[in-house]
Amino acid sequence: MATSEEQQILRLQERFDMAELDDDREVLEELIAEDFQSIGPRGFVLDKEQWINRHDHFHYAALETSEHEVRLYDGAAIVRNVQRNTGIHDGQESQYVMRVGQIWVNHLDQWRLAGIQFSPLAQ
């Protein structure tokens, strides 16, 4: 059974995923830490601005996560899950199954996403 803090983190992760799916840049701006960095499935790195602006050329047609695991630390949380998505990049559709790791940090009593890493899941 998840603790209340773990449930809070999972709700934030779900809110982040919905903002990604809906291209809700206002929510992404709110949830993502200023020093955020993502590591993509091929090793590329994006900062906060690049992450949000990638929606100029990319959007999700579908995004689903499962196998959620939350590990809490003093002022931080690591979320691991499996993401199945269908994305459209410059008109080309692609489907992925990824293992995703998110690092959430609590700064000034606000949880923010500080990092995310995608790794292709062997099928």
PDB file of N, CA and C in Angstrom:
ATOM      1  N   MET A   1       0.848  -1.195   0.000  1.00  0.00           N
ATOM      2  CA  MET A   1       0.000   0.000   0.000  1.00  0.00           C
ATOM      3  C   MET A   1       0.890   1.254   0.000  1.00  0.00           C
ATOM      4  N   ALA A   2       0.619   2.142  -0.919  1.00  0.00           N
ATOM      5  CA  ALA A   2       1.411   3.360  -1.062  1.00  0.00           C
ATOM      6  C   ALA A   2       1.104   4.340   0.073  1.00  0.00           C
ATOM      7  N   THR A   3       2.143   4.998   0.560  1.00  0.00           N
ATOM      8  CA  THR A   3       1.959   6.035   1.570  1.00  0.00           C
ATOM      9  C   THR A   3       1.314   7.257   0.915  1.00  0.00           C
ATOM     10  N   SER A   4       0.878   8.200   1.736  1.00  0.00           N
ATOM     11  CA  SER A   4       0.259   9.405   1.175  1.00  0.00           C
ATOM     12  C   SER A   4       1.255  10.207   0.339  1.00  0.00           C
ATOM     13  N   GLU A   5       2.527  10.231   0.748  1.00  0.00           N
ATOM     14  CA  GLU A   5       3.520  10.961  -0.040  1.00  0.00           C
ATOM     15  C   GLU A   5       3.797  10.245  -1.371  1.00  0.00           C
ATOM     16  N   GLU A   6       3.846   8.916  -1.351  1.00  0.00           N
ATOM     17  CA  GLU A   6       4.005   8.165  -2.595  1.00  0.00           C
ATOM     18  C   GLU A   6       2.814   8.406  -3.519  1.00  0.00           C
ATOM     19  N   GLN A   7       1.617   8.439  -2.964  1.00  0.00           N
ATOM     20  CA  GLN A   7       0.427   8.718  -3.767  1.00  0.00           C
ATOM     21  C   GLN A   7       0.493  10.122  -4.361  1.00  0.00           C
ATOM     22  N   GLN A   8       0.983  11.093  -3.581  1.00  0.00           N
ATOM     23  CA  GLN A   8       1.139  12.461  -4.088  1.00  0.00           C
ATOM     24  C   GLN A   8       2.097  12.486  -5.284  1.00  0.00           C
ATOM     25  N   ILE A   9       3.214  11.779  -5.169  1.00  0.00           N
ATOM     26  CA  ILE A   9       4.186  11.736  -6.257  1.00  0.00           C
ATOM     27  C   ILE A   9       3.574  11.072  -7.489  1.00  0.00           C
ATOM     28  N   LEU A  10       2.844   9.985  -7.293  1.00  0.00           N
ATOM     29  CA  LEU A  10       2.200   9.306  -8.430  1.00  0.00           C
ATOM     30  C   LEU A  10       1.169  10.203  -9.107  1.00  0.00           C
ATOM     31  N   ARG A  11       0.450  11.009  -8.326  1.00  0.00           N
ATOM     32  CA  ARG A  11      -0.504  11.963  -8.922  1.00  0.00           C
ATOM     33  C   ARG A  11       0.233  13.016  -9.746  1.00  0.00           C
ATOM     34  N   LEU A  12       1.376  13.482  -9.242  1.00  0.00           N
ATOM     35  CA  LEU A  12       2.183  14.448 -10.006  1.00  0.00           C
ATOM     36  C   LEU A  12       2.703  13.827 -11.292  1.00  0.00           C
ATOM     37  N   GLN A  13       3.168  12.594 -11.202  1.00  0.00           N
ATOM     38  CA  GLN A  13       3.660  11.899 -12.392  1.00  0.00           C
ATOM     39  C   GLN A  13       2.528  11.735 -13.400  1.00  0.00           C
ATOM     40  N   GLU A  14       1.338  11.406 -12.934  1.00  0.00           N
ATOM     41  CA  GLU A  14       0.186  11.276 -13.828  1.00  0.00           C
ATOM     42  C   GLU A  14      -0.184  12.635 -14.434  1.00  0.00           C
ATOM     43  N   ARG A  15      -0.118  13.679 -13.631  1.00  0.00           N
ATOM     44  CA  ARG A  15      -0.409  15.027 -14.141  1.00  0.00           C
ATOM     45  C   ARG A  15       0.607  15.433 -15.205  1.00  0.00           C
ATOM     46  N   PHE A  16       1.869  15.092 -14.965  1.00  0.00           N
ATOM     47  CA  PHE A  16       2.916  15.356 -15.954  1.00  0.00           C
ATOM     48  C   PHE A  16       2.621  14.609 -17.252  1.00  0.00           C
ATOM     49  N   ASP A  17       2.286  13.314 -17.148  1.00  0.00           N
ATOM     50  CA  ASP A  17       1.986  12.517 -18.338  1.00  0.00           C
ATOM     51  C   ASP A  17       0.802  13.088 -19.108  1.00  0.00           C
ATOM     52  N   MET A  18      -0.222  13.528 -18.404  1.00  0.00           N
ATOM     53  CA  MET A  18      -1.387  14.115 -19.081  1.00  0.00           C
ATOM     54  C   MET A  18      -1.015  15.427 -19.771  1.00  0.00           C
ATOM     55  N   ALA A  19      -0.154  16.222 -19.144  1.00  0.00           N
ATOM     56  CA  ALA A  19       0.304  17.464 -19.772  1.00  0.00           C
ATOM     57  C   ALA A  19       1.116  17.148 -21.024  1.00  0.00           C
ATOM     58  N   GLU A  20       1.914  16.092 -20.970  1.00  0.00           N
ATOM     59  CA  GLU A  20       2.661  15.657 -22.155  1.00  0.00           C
ATOM     60  C   GLU A  20       1.694  15.249 -23.268  1.00  0.00           C
ATOM     61  N   LEU A  21       0.714  14.442 -22.926  1.00  0.00           N
ATOM     62  CA  LEU A  21      -0.256  13.953 -23.907  1.00  0.00           C
ATOM     63  C   LEU A  21      -1.056  15.100 -24.520  1.00  0.00           C
ATOM     64  N   ASP A  22      -1.419  16.070 -23.688  1.00  0.00           N
ATOM     65  CA  ASP A  22      -2.262  17.181 -24.136  1.00  0.00           C
ATOM     66  C   ASP A  22      -1.475  18.393 -24.628  1.00  0.00           C
ATOM     67  N   ASP A  23      -0.134  18.313 -24.629  1.00  0.00           N
ATOM     68  CA  ASP A  23       0.711  19.452 -24.989  1.00  0.00           C
ATOM     69  C   ASP A  23       0.338  20.674 -24.154  1.00  0.00           C
ATOM     70  N   ASP A  24       0.178  20.450 -22.836  1.00  0.00           N
ATOM     71  CA  ASP A  24      -0.182  21.523 -21.908  1.00  0.00           C
ATOM     72  C   ASP A  24       1.101  22.142 -21.364  1.00  0.00           C
ATOM     73  N   ARG A  25       1.609  23.108 -22.084  1.00  0.00           N
ATOM     74  CA  ARG A  25       2.891  23.710 -21.749  1.00  0.00           C
ATOM     75  C   ARG A  25       2.849  24.499 -20.448  1.00  0.00           C
ATOM     76  N   GLU A  26       1.697  25.005 -20.083  1.00  0.00           N
ATOM     77  CA  GLU A  26       1.567  25.731 -18.817  1.00  0.00           C
ATOM     78  C   GLU A  26       1.805  24.784 -17.636  1.00  0.00           C
ATOM     79  N   VAL A  27       1.215  23.608 -17.686  1.00  0.00           N
ATOM     80  CA  VAL A  27       1.417  22.625 -16.613  1.00  0.00           C
ATOM     81  C   VAL A  27       2.850  22.113 -16.638  1.00  0.00           C
ATOM     82  N   LEU A  28       3.405  21.869 -17.822  1.00  0.00           N
ATOM     83  CA  LEU A  28       4.794  21.423 -17.908  1.00  0.00           C
ATOM     84  C   LEU A  28       5.730  22.473 -17.308  1.00  0.00           C
ATOM     85  N   GLU A  29       5.500  23.723 -17.615  1.00  0.00           N
ATOM     86  CA  GLU A  29       6.310  24.815 -17.068  1.00  0.00           C
ATOM     87  C   GLU A  29       6.243  24.799 -15.535  1.00  0.00           C
ATOM     88  N   GLU A  30       5.068  24.541 -14.994  1.00  0.00           N
ATOM     89  CA  GLU A  30       4.882  24.508 -13.538  1.00  0.00           C
ATOM     90  C   GLU A  30       5.581  23.308 -12.902  1.00  0.00           C
ATOM     91  N   LEU A  31       5.466  22.138 -13.498  1.00  0.00           N
ATOM     92  CA  LEU A  31       5.947  20.906 -12.866  1.00  0.00           C
ATOM     93  C   LEU A  31       7.443  20.648 -13.043  1.00  0.00           C
ATOM     94  N   ILE A  32       8.048  21.214 -14.067  1.00  0.00           N
ATOM     95  CA  ILE A  32       9.440  20.909 -14.377  1.00  0.00           C
ATOM     96  C   ILE A  32      10.370  21.906 -13.689  1.00  0.00           C
ATOM     97  N   ALA A  33      11.394  21.379 -13.011  1.00  0.00           N
ATOM     98  CA  ALA A  33      12.380  22.214 -12.327  1.00  0.00           C
ATOM     99  C   ALA A  33      13.194  23.019 -13.339  1.00  0.00           C
ATOM    100  N   GLU A  34      13.682  24.158 -12.900  1.00  0.00           N
ATOM    101  CA  GLU A  34      14.447  25.036 -13.794  1.00  0.00           C
ATOM    102  C   GLU A  34      15.714  24.362 -14.316  1.00  0.00           C
ATOM    103  N   ASP A  35      16.341  23.507 -13.507  1.00  0.00           N
ATOM    104  CA  ASP A  35      17.580  22.857 -13.935  1.00  0.00           C
ATOM    105  C   ASP A  35      17.346  21.432 -14.447  1.00  0.00           C
ATOM    106  N   PHE A  36      16.127  21.144 -14.857  1.00  0.00           N
ATOM    107  CA  PHE A  36      15.728  19.845 -15.400  1.00  0.00           C
ATOM    108  C   PHE A  36      16.619  19.420 -16.563  1.00  0.00           C
ATOM    109  N   GLN A  37      16.860  18.109 -16.632  1.00  0.00           N
ATOM    110  CA  GLN A  37      17.496  17.518 -17.808  1.00  0.00           C
ATOM    111  C   GLN A  37      16.853  16.167 -18.082  1.00  0.00           C
ATOM    112  N   SER A  38      16.625  15.905 -19.352  1.00  0.00           N
ATOM    113  CA  SER A  38      16.128  14.591 -19.759  1.00  0.00           C
ATOM    114  C   SER A  38      17.228  13.885 -20.542  1.00  0.00           C
ATOM    115  N   ILE A  39      17.212  12.568 -20.450  1.00  0.00           N
ATOM    116  CA  ILE A  39      18.097  11.747 -21.274  1.00  0.00           C
ATOM    117  C   ILE A  39      17.190  10.860 -22.105  1.00  0.00           C
ATOM    118  N   GLY A  40      17.262  11.037 -23.418  1.00  0.00           N
ATOM    119  CA  GLY A  40      16.406  10.296 -24.329  1.00  0.00           C
ATOM    120  C   GLY A  40      16.905   8.884 -24.566  1.00  0.00           C
ATOM    121  N   PRO A  41      16.108   8.090 -25.272  1.00  0.00           N
ATOM    122  CA  PRO A  41      16.445   6.688 -25.500  1.00  0.00           C
ATOM    123  C   PRO A  41      17.702   6.470 -26.341  1.00  0.00           C
ATOM    124  N   ARG A  42      18.143   7.506 -27.027  1.00  0.00           N
ATOM    125  CA  ARG A  42      19.379   7.392 -27.821  1.00  0.00           C
ATOM    126  C   ARG A  42      20.505   8.239 -27.227  1.00  0.00           C
ATOM    127  N   GLY A  43      20.323   8.684 -25.987  1.00  0.00           N
ATOM    128  CA  GLY A  43      21.389   9.389 -25.281  1.00  0.00           C
ATOM    129  C   GLY A  43      21.390  10.898 -25.398  1.00  0.00           C
ATOM    130  N   PHE A  44      20.463  11.486 -26.164  1.00  0.00           N
ATOM    131  CA  PHE A  44      20.452  12.942 -26.272  1.00  0.00           C
ATOM    132  C   PHE A  44      19.928  13.554 -24.981  1.00  0.00           C
ATOM    133  N   VAL A  45      20.354  14.775 -24.696  1.00  0.00           N
ATOM    134  CA  VAL A  45      19.990  15.471 -23.465  1.00  0.00           C
ATOM    135  C   VAL A  45      19.232  16.746 -23.828  1.00  0.00           C
ATOM    136  N   LEU A  46      18.119  16.976 -23.130  1.00  0.00           N
ATOM    137  CA  LEU A  46      17.326  18.193 -23.316  1.00  0.00           C
ATOM    138  C   LEU A  46      17.177  18.908 -21.977  1.00  0.00           C
ATOM    139  N   ASP A  47      17.264  20.246 -22.010  1.00  0.00           N
ATOM    140  CA  ASP A  47      16.971  21.020 -20.810  1.00  0.00           C
ATOM    141  C   ASP A  47      15.472  21.333 -20.776  1.00  0.00           C
ATOM    142  N   LYS A  48      15.040  22.089 -19.796  1.00  0.00           N
ATOM    143  CA  LYS A  48      13.611  22.374 -19.620  1.00  0.00           C
ATOM    144  C   LYS A  48      13.006  23.035 -20.859  1.00  0.00           C
ATOM    145  N   GLU A  49      13.636  24.074 -21.348  1.00  0.00           N
ATOM    146  CA  GLU A  49      13.102  24.797 -22.504  1.00  0.00           C
ATOM    147  C   GLU A  49      13.031  23.889 -23.737  1.00  0.00           C
ATOM    148  N   GLN A  50      14.093  23.144 -23.967  1.00  0.00           N
ATOM    149  CA  GLN A  50      14.104  22.232 -25.111  1.00  0.00           C
ATOM    150  C   GLN A  50      13.036  21.147 -24.972  1.00  0.00           C
ATOM    151  N   TRP A  51      12.863  20.642 -23.753  1.00  0.00           N
ATOM    152  CA  TRP A  51      11.856  19.600 -23.508  1.00  0.00           C
ATOM    153  C   TRP A  51      10.462  20.115 -23.859  1.00  0.00           C
ATOM    154  N   ILE A  52      10.125  21.272 -23.323  1.00  0.00           N
ATOM    155  CA  ILE A  52       8.784  21.825 -23.558  1.00  0.00           C
ATOM    156  C   ILE A  52       8.622  22.174 -25.035  1.00  0.00           C
ATOM    157  N   ASN A  53       9.621  22.783 -25.648  1.00  0.00           N
ATOM    158  CA  ASN A  53       9.516  23.216 -27.042  1.00  0.00           C
ATOM    159  C   ASN A  53       9.570  22.082 -28.046  1.00  0.00           C
ATOM    160  N   ARG A  54       9.931  20.874 -27.611  1.00  0.00           N
ATOM    161  CA  ARG A  54       9.925  19.750 -28.549  1.00  0.00           C
ATOM    162  C   ARG A  54       8.512  19.474 -29.043  1.00  0.00           C
ATOM    163  N   HIS A  55       7.518  19.978 -28.323  1.00  0.00           N
ATOM    164  CA  HIS A  55       6.131  19.818 -28.752  1.00  0.00           C
ATOM    165  C   HIS A  55       5.824  20.610 -30.028  1.00  0.00           C
ATOM    166  N   ASP A  56       6.735  21.474 -30.454  1.00  0.00           N
ATOM    167  CA  ASP A  56       6.567  22.152 -31.739  1.00  0.00           C
ATOM    168  C   ASP A  56       6.628  21.151 -32.897  1.00  0.00           C
ATOM    169  N   HIS A  57       7.365  20.042 -32.694  1.00  0.00           N
ATOM    170  CA  HIS A  57       7.561  19.053 -33.758  1.00  0.00           C
ATOM    171  C   HIS A  57       7.083  17.655 -33.385  1.00  0.00           C
ATOM    172  N   PHE A  58       6.682  17.491 -32.141  1.00  0.00           N
ATOM    173  CA  PHE A  58       6.349  16.164 -31.638  1.00  0.00           C
ATOM    174  C   PHE A  58       5.099  16.238 -30.773  1.00  0.00           C
ATOM    175  N   HIS A  59       4.243  15.234 -30.888  1.00  0.00           N
ATOM    176  CA  HIS A  59       3.150  15.099 -29.924  1.00  0.00           C
ATOM    177  C   HIS A  59       2.814  13.624 -29.751  1.00  0.00           C
ATOM    178  N   TYR A  60       2.222  13.342 -28.615  1.00  0.00           N
ATOM    179  CA  TYR A  60       1.786  11.982 -28.330  1.00  0.00           C
ATOM    180  C   TYR A  60       0.388  11.767 -28.876  1.00  0.00           C
ATOM    181  N   ALA A  61       0.183  10.635 -29.526  1.00  0.00           N
ATOM    182  CA  ALA A  61      -1.161  10.205 -29.900  1.00  0.00           C
ATOM    183  C   ALA A  61      -1.733   9.324 -28.790  1.00  0.00           C
ATOM    184  N   ALA A  62      -0.854   8.645 -28.069  1.00  0.00           N
ATOM    185  CA  ALA A  62      -1.254   7.809 -26.936  1.00  0.00           C
ATOM    186  C   ALA A  62      -0.079   7.707 -25.979  1.00  0.00           C
ATOM    187  N   LEU A  63      -0.380   7.651 -24.689  1.00  0.00           N
ATOM    188  CA  LEU A  63       0.651   7.521 -23.671  1.00  0.00           C
ATOM    189  C   LEU A  63       0.039   6.803 -22.476  1.00  0.00           C
ATOM    190  N   GLU A  64       0.631   5.674 -22.118  1.00  0.00           N
ATOM    191  CA  GLU A  64       0.120   4.867 -21.011  1.00  0.00           C
ATOM    192  C   GLU A  64       1.307   4.395 -20.179  1.00  0.00           C
ATOM    193  N   THR A  65       1.167   4.471 -18.848  1.00  0.00           N
ATOM    194  CA  THR A  65       2.229   3.978 -17.976  1.00  0.00           C
ATOM    195  C   THR A  65       1.687   2.873 -17.076  1.00  0.00           C
ATOM    196  N   SER A  66       2.586   1.976 -16.690  1.00  0.00           N
ATOM    197  CA  SER A  66       2.234   0.873 -15.797  1.00  0.00           C
ATOM    198  C   SER A  66       3.462   0.517 -14.970  1.00  0.00           C
ATOM    199  N   GLU A  67       3.311  -0.446 -14.103  1.00  0.00           N
ATOM    200  CA  GLU A  67       4.407  -0.951 -13.274  1.00  0.00           C
ATOM    201  C   GLU A  67       5.092   0.170 -12.490  1.00  0.00           C
ATOM    202  N   HIS A  68       4.291   1.028 -11.855  1.00  0.00           N
ATOM    203  CA  HIS A  68       4.816   2.169 -11.106  1.00  0.00           C
ATOM    204  C   HIS A  68       5.508   1.730  -9.812  1.00  0.00           C
ATOM    205  N   GLU A  69       6.643   2.345  -9.574  1.00  0.00           N
ATOM    206  CA  GLU A  69       7.383   2.127  -8.337  1.00  0.00           C
ATOM    207  C   GLU A  69       7.902   3.481  -7.868  1.00  0.00           C
ATOM    208  N   VAL A  70       7.701   3.798  -6.602  1.00  0.00           N
ATOM    209  CA  VAL A  70       8.167   5.062  -6.037  1.00  0.00           C
ATOM    210  C   VAL A  70       9.122   4.751  -4.889  1.00  0.00           C
ATOM    211  N   ARG A  71      10.271   5.407  -4.892  1.00  0.00           N
ATOM    212  CA  ARG A  71      11.224   5.329  -3.786  1.00  0.00           C
ATOM    213  C   ARG A  71      11.399   6.737  -3.249  1.00  0.00           C
ATOM    214  N   LEU A  72      11.131   6.900  -1.962  1.00  0.00           N
ATOM    215  CA  LEU A  72      11.238   8.212  -1.323  1.00  0.00           C
ATOM    216  C   LEU A  72      12.550   8.352  -0.580  1.00  0.00           C
ATOM    217  N   TYR A  73      13.124   9.547  -0.673  1.00  0.00           N
ATOM    218  CA  TYR A  73      14.331   9.909   0.041  1.00  0.00           C
ATOM    219  C   TYR A  73      14.083  11.281   0.658  1.00  0.00           C
ATOM    220  N   ASP A  74      14.967  11.752   1.485  1.00  0.00           N
ATOM    221  CA  ASP A  74      14.791  13.049   2.114  1.00  0.00           C
ATOM    222  C   ASP A  74      14.788  14.144   1.044  1.00  0.00           C
ATOM    223  N   GLY A  75      13.611  14.660   0.722  1.00  0.00           N
ATOM    224  CA  GLY A  75      13.491  15.737  -0.257  1.00  0.00           C
ATOM    225  C   GLY A  75      13.524  15.306  -1.704  1.00  0.00           C
ATOM    226  N   ALA A  76      13.464  13.991  -1.953  1.00  0.00           N
ATOM    227  CA  ALA A  76      13.519  13.510  -3.331  1.00  0.00           C
ATOM    228  C   ALA A  76      12.696  12.230  -3.471  1.00  0.00           C
ATOM    229  N   ALA A  77      12.307  11.957  -4.701  1.00  0.00           N
ATOM    230  CA  ALA A  77      11.599  10.715  -5.012  1.00  0.00           C
ATOM    231  C   ALA A  77      12.044  10.244  -6.387  1.00  0.00           C
ATOM    232  N   ILE A  78      12.200   8.946  -6.507  1.00  0.00           N
ATOM    233  CA  ILE A  78      12.497   8.338  -7.798  1.00  0.00           C
ATOM    234  C   ILE A  78      11.289   7.512  -8.192  1.00  0.00           C
ATOM    235  N   VAL A  79      10.783   7.777  -9.390  1.00  0.00           N
ATOM    236  CA  VAL A  79       9.644   7.033  -9.924  1.00  0.00           C
ATOM    237  C   VAL A  79      10.143   6.224 -11.107  1.00  0.00           C
ATOM    238  N   ARG A  80       9.829   4.949 -11.089  1.00  0.00           N
ATOM    239  CA  ARG A  80      10.141   4.084 -12.232  1.00  0.00           C
ATOM    240  C   ARG A  80       8.838   3.498 -12.739  1.00  0.00           C
ATOM    241  N   ASN A  81       8.727   3.412 -14.056  1.00  0.00           N
ATOM    242  CA  ASN A  81       7.543   2.804 -14.647  1.00  0.00           C
ATOM    243  C   ASN A  81       7.864   2.342 -16.059  1.00  0.00           C
ATOM    244  N   VAL A  82       6.884   1.712 -16.658  1.00  0.00           N
ATOM    245  CA  VAL A  82       6.971   1.322 -18.063  1.00  0.00           C
ATOM    246  C   VAL A  82       6.001   2.203 -18.824  1.00  0.00           C
ATOM    247  N   GLN A  83       6.482   2.800 -19.904  1.00  0.00           N
ATOM    248  CA  GLN A  83       5.640   3.672 -20.731  1.00  0.00           C
ATOM    249  C   GLN A  83       5.480   3.063 -22.119  1.00  0.00           C
ATOM    250  N   ARG A  84       4.239   2.982 -22.531  1.00  0.00           N
ATOM    251  CA  ARG A  84       3.906   2.597 -23.905  1.00  0.00           C
ATOM    252  C   ARG A  84       3.313   3.840 -24.551  1.00  0.00           C
ATOM    253  N   ASN A  85       3.901   4.230 -25.678  1.00  0.00           N
ATOM    254  CA  ASN A  85       3.397   5.441 -26.310  1.00  0.00           C
ATOM    255  C   ASN A  85       3.429   5.332 -27.817  1.00  0.00           C
ATOM    256  N   THR A  86       2.587   6.143 -28.401  1.00  0.00           N
ATOM    257  CA  THR A  86       2.601   6.367 -29.840  1.00  0.00           C
ATOM    258  C   THR A  86       2.850   7.852 -30.017  1.00  0.00           C
ATOM    259  N   GLY A  87       3.908   8.183 -30.729  1.00  0.00           N
ATOM    260  CA  GLY A  87       4.259   9.571 -30.941  1.00  0.00           C
ATOM    261  C   GLY A  87       4.267   9.916 -32.414  1.00  0.00           C
ATOM    262  N   ILE A  88       4.045  11.188 -32.688  1.00  0.00           N
ATOM    263  CA  ILE A  88       4.089  11.715 -34.050  1.00  0.00           C
ATOM    264  C   ILE A  88       5.175  12.780 -34.078  1.00  0.00           C
ATOM    265  N   HIS A  89       6.228  12.540 -34.868  1.00  0.00           N
ATOM    266  CA  HIS A  89       7.320  13.504 -35.002  1.00  0.00           C
ATOM    267  C   HIS A  89       7.398  13.919 -36.461  1.00  0.00           C
ATOM    268  N   ASP A  90       7.116  15.191 -36.708  1.00  0.00           N
ATOM    269  CA  ASP A  90       7.126  15.727 -38.072  1.00  0.00           C
ATOM    270  C   ASP A  90       6.322  14.839 -39.023  1.00  0.00           C
ATOM    271  N   GLY A  91       5.139  14.413 -38.564  1.00  0.00           N
ATOM    272  CA  GLY A  91       4.229  13.641 -39.406  1.00  0.00           C
ATOM    273  C   GLY A  91       4.477  12.145 -39.437  1.00  0.00           C
ATOM    274  N   GLN A  92       5.563  11.682 -38.839  1.00  0.00           N
ATOM    275  CA  GLN A  92       5.886  10.255 -38.830  1.00  0.00           C
ATOM    276  C   GLN A  92       5.465   9.637 -37.499  1.00  0.00           C
ATOM    277  N   GLU A  93       4.682   8.586 -37.565  1.00  0.00           N
ATOM    278  CA  GLU A  93       4.233   7.901 -36.352  1.00  0.00           C
ATOM    279  C   GLU A  93       5.230   6.827 -35.945  1.00  0.00           C
ATOM    280  N   SER A  94       5.460   6.723 -34.644  1.00  0.00           N
ATOM    281  CA  SER A  94       6.298   5.659 -34.109  1.00  0.00           C
ATOM    282  C   SER A  94       5.741   5.222 -32.761  1.00  0.00           C
ATOM    283  N   GLN A  95       5.968   3.956 -32.458  1.00  0.00           N
ATOM    284  CA  GLN A  95       5.503   3.391 -31.188  1.00  0.00           C
ATOM    285  C   GLN A  95       6.706   2.919 -30.392  1.00  0.00           C
ATOM    286  N   TYR A  96       6.647   3.158 -29.091  1.00  0.00           N
ATOM    287  CA  TYR A  96       7.750   2.793 -28.206  1.00  0.00           C
ATOM    288  C   TYR A  96       7.228   2.151 -26.938  1.00  0.00           C
ATOM    289  N   VAL A  97       8.045   1.257 -26.412  1.00  0.00           N
ATOM    290  CA  VAL A  97       7.863   0.746 -25.060  1.00  0.00           C
ATOM    291  C   VAL A  97       9.162   1.060 -24.341  1.00  0.00           C
ATOM    292  N   MET A  98       9.072   1.866 -23.295  1.00  0.00           N
ATOM    293  CA  MET A  98      10.259   2.367 -22.596  1.00  0.00           C
ATOM    294  C   MET A  98      10.154   2.118 -21.101  1.00  0.00           C
ATOM    295  N   ARG A  99      11.288   1.880 -20.492  1.00  0.00           N
ATOM    296  CA  ARG A  99      11.368   1.968 -19.043  1.00  0.00           C
ATOM    297  C   ARG A  99      11.772   3.410 -18.767  1.00  0.00           C
ATOM    298  N   VAL A 100      11.051   4.042 -17.844  1.00  0.00           N
ATOM    299  CA  VAL A 100      11.243   5.459 -17.570  1.00  0.00           C
ATOM    300  C   VAL A 100      11.612   5.638 -16.099  1.00  0.00           C
ATOM    301  N   GLY A 101      12.612   6.478 -15.862  1.00  0.00           N
ATOM    302  CA  GLY A 101      12.975   6.875 -14.507  1.00  0.00           C
ATOM    303  C   GLY A 101      12.813   8.371 -14.375  1.00  0.00           C
ATOM    304  N   GLN A 102      12.091   8.786 -13.352  1.00  0.00           N
ATOM    305  CA  GLN A 102      11.891  10.215 -13.094  1.00  0.00           C
ATOM    306  C   GLN A 102      12.466  10.548 -11.733  1.00  0.00           C
ATOM    307  N   ILE A 103      13.092  11.705 -11.630  1.00  0.00           N
ATOM    308  CA  ILE A 103      13.603  12.199 -10.353  1.00  0.00           C
ATOM    309  C   ILE A 103      12.803  13.443  -9.993  1.00  0.00           C
ATOM    310  N   TRP A 104      12.092  13.355  -8.893  1.00  0.00           N
ATOM    311  CA  TRP A 104      11.311  14.473  -8.376  1.00  0.00           C
ATOM    312  C   TRP A 104      12.026  15.015  -7.144  1.00  0.00           C
ATOM    313  N   VAL A 105      12.101  16.333  -7.016  1.00  0.00           N
ATOM    314  CA  VAL A 105      12.734  16.954  -5.858  1.00  0.00           C
ATOM    315  C   VAL A 105      11.750  17.902  -5.192  1.00  0.00           C
ATOM    316  N   ASN A 106      11.847  17.961  -3.869  1.00  0.00           N
ATOM    317  CA  ASN A 106      10.996  18.859  -3.104  1.00  0.00           C
ATOM    318  C   ASN A 106      11.835  20.068  -2.712  1.00  0.00           C
ATOM    319  N   HIS A 107      11.537  21.190  -3.333  1.00  0.00           N
ATOM    320  CA  HIS A 107      12.259  22.431  -3.083  1.00  0.00           C
ATOM    321  C   HIS A 107      11.255  23.484  -2.633  1.00  0.00           C
ATOM    322  N   LEU A 108      11.487  24.036  -1.452  1.00  0.00           N
ATOM    323  CA  LEU A 108      10.585  25.039  -0.878  1.00  0.00           C
ATOM    324  C   LEU A 108       9.140  24.534  -0.819  1.00  0.00           C
ATOM    325  N   ASP A 109       8.997  23.267  -0.430  1.00  0.00           N
ATOM    326  CA  ASP A 109       7.696  22.604  -0.262  1.00  0.00           C
ATOM    327  C   ASP A 109       6.928  22.436  -1.576  1.00  0.00           C
ATOM    328  N   GLN A 110       7.629  22.420  -2.683  1.00  0.00           N
ATOM    329  CA  GLN A 110       7.023  22.199  -3.999  1.00  0.00           C
ATOM    330  C   GLN A 110       7.763  21.047  -4.681  1.00  0.00           C
ATOM    331  N   TRP A 111       7.036  20.024  -5.112  1.00  0.00           N
ATOM    332  CA  TRP A 111       7.644  18.928  -5.860  1.00  0.00           C
ATOM    333  C   TRP A 111       7.796  19.342  -7.316  1.00  0.00           C
ATOM    334  N   ARG A 112       8.994  19.133  -7.869  1.00  0.00           N
ATOM    335  CA  ARG A 112       9.283  19.459  -9.261  1.00  0.00           C
ATOM    336  C   ARG A 112      10.050  18.295  -9.896  1.00  0.00           C
ATOM    337  N   LEU A 113       9.821  18.086 -11.173  1.00  0.00           N
ATOM    338  CA  LEU A 113      10.526  17.052 -11.917  1.00  0.00           C
ATOM    339  C   LEU A 113      11.893  17.592 -12.310  1.00  0.00           C
ATOM    340  N   ALA A 114      12.963  16.973 -11.783  1.00  0.00           N
ATOM    341  CA  ALA A 114      14.321  17.441 -12.036  1.00  0.00           C
ATOM    342  C   ALA A 114      15.005  16.660 -13.153  1.00  0.00           C
ATOM    343  N   GLY A 115      14.546  15.443 -13.405  1.00  0.00           N
ATOM    344  CA  GLY A 115      15.173  14.642 -14.439  1.00  0.00           C
ATOM    345  C   GLY A 115      14.300  13.491 -14.870  1.00  0.00           C
ATOM    346  N   ILE A 116      14.507  13.065 -16.098  1.00  0.00           N
ATOM    347  CA  ILE A 116      13.789  11.919 -16.641  1.00  0.00           C
ATOM    348  C   ILE A 116      14.727  11.198 -17.600  1.00  0.00           C
ATOM    349  N   GLN A 117      14.694   9.884 -17.573  1.00  0.00           N
ATOM    350  CA  GLN A 117      15.522   9.091 -18.472  1.00  0.00           C
ATOM    351  C   GLN A 117      14.686   7.980 -19.074  1.00  0.00           C
ATOM    352  N   PHE A 118      14.856   7.787 -20.375  1.00  0.00           N
ATOM    353  CA  PHE A 118      14.136   6.757 -21.125  1.00  0.00           C
ATOM    354  C   PHE A 118      15.118   5.684 -21.587  1.00  0.00           C
ATOM    355  N   SER A 119      14.740   4.434 -21.379  1.00  0.00           N
ATOM    356  CA  SER A 119      15.540   3.305 -21.868  1.00  0.00           C
ATOM    357  C   SER A 119      14.610   2.348 -22.602  1.00  0.00           C
ATOM    358  N   PRO A 120      14.956   1.963 -23.821  1.00  0.00           N
ATOM    359  CA  PRO A 120      14.102   1.010 -24.542  1.00  0.00           C
ATOM    360  C   PRO A 120      13.970  -0.288 -23.738  1.00  0.00           C
ATOM    361  N   LEU A 121      12.772  -0.824 -23.718  1.00  0.00           N
ATOM    362  CA  LEU A 121      12.490  -2.054 -23.003  1.00  0.00           C
ATOM    363  C   LEU A 121      12.589  -3.214 -23.960  1.00  0.00           C
ATOM    364  N   ALA A 122      13.400  -4.185 -23.631  1.00  0.00           N
ATOM    365  CA  ALA A 122      13.525  -5.374 -24.481  1.00  0.00           C
ATOM    366  C   ALA A 122      12.177  -6.073 -24.560  1.00  0.00           C
ATOM    367  N   GLN A 123      11.806  -6.469 -25.757  1.00  0.00           N
ATOM    368  CA  GLN A 123      10.504  -7.112 -25.934  1.00  0.00           C
ATOM    369  C   GLN A 123      10.649  -8.556 -26.307  1.00  0.00           C
TER     370      GLN A 123
END
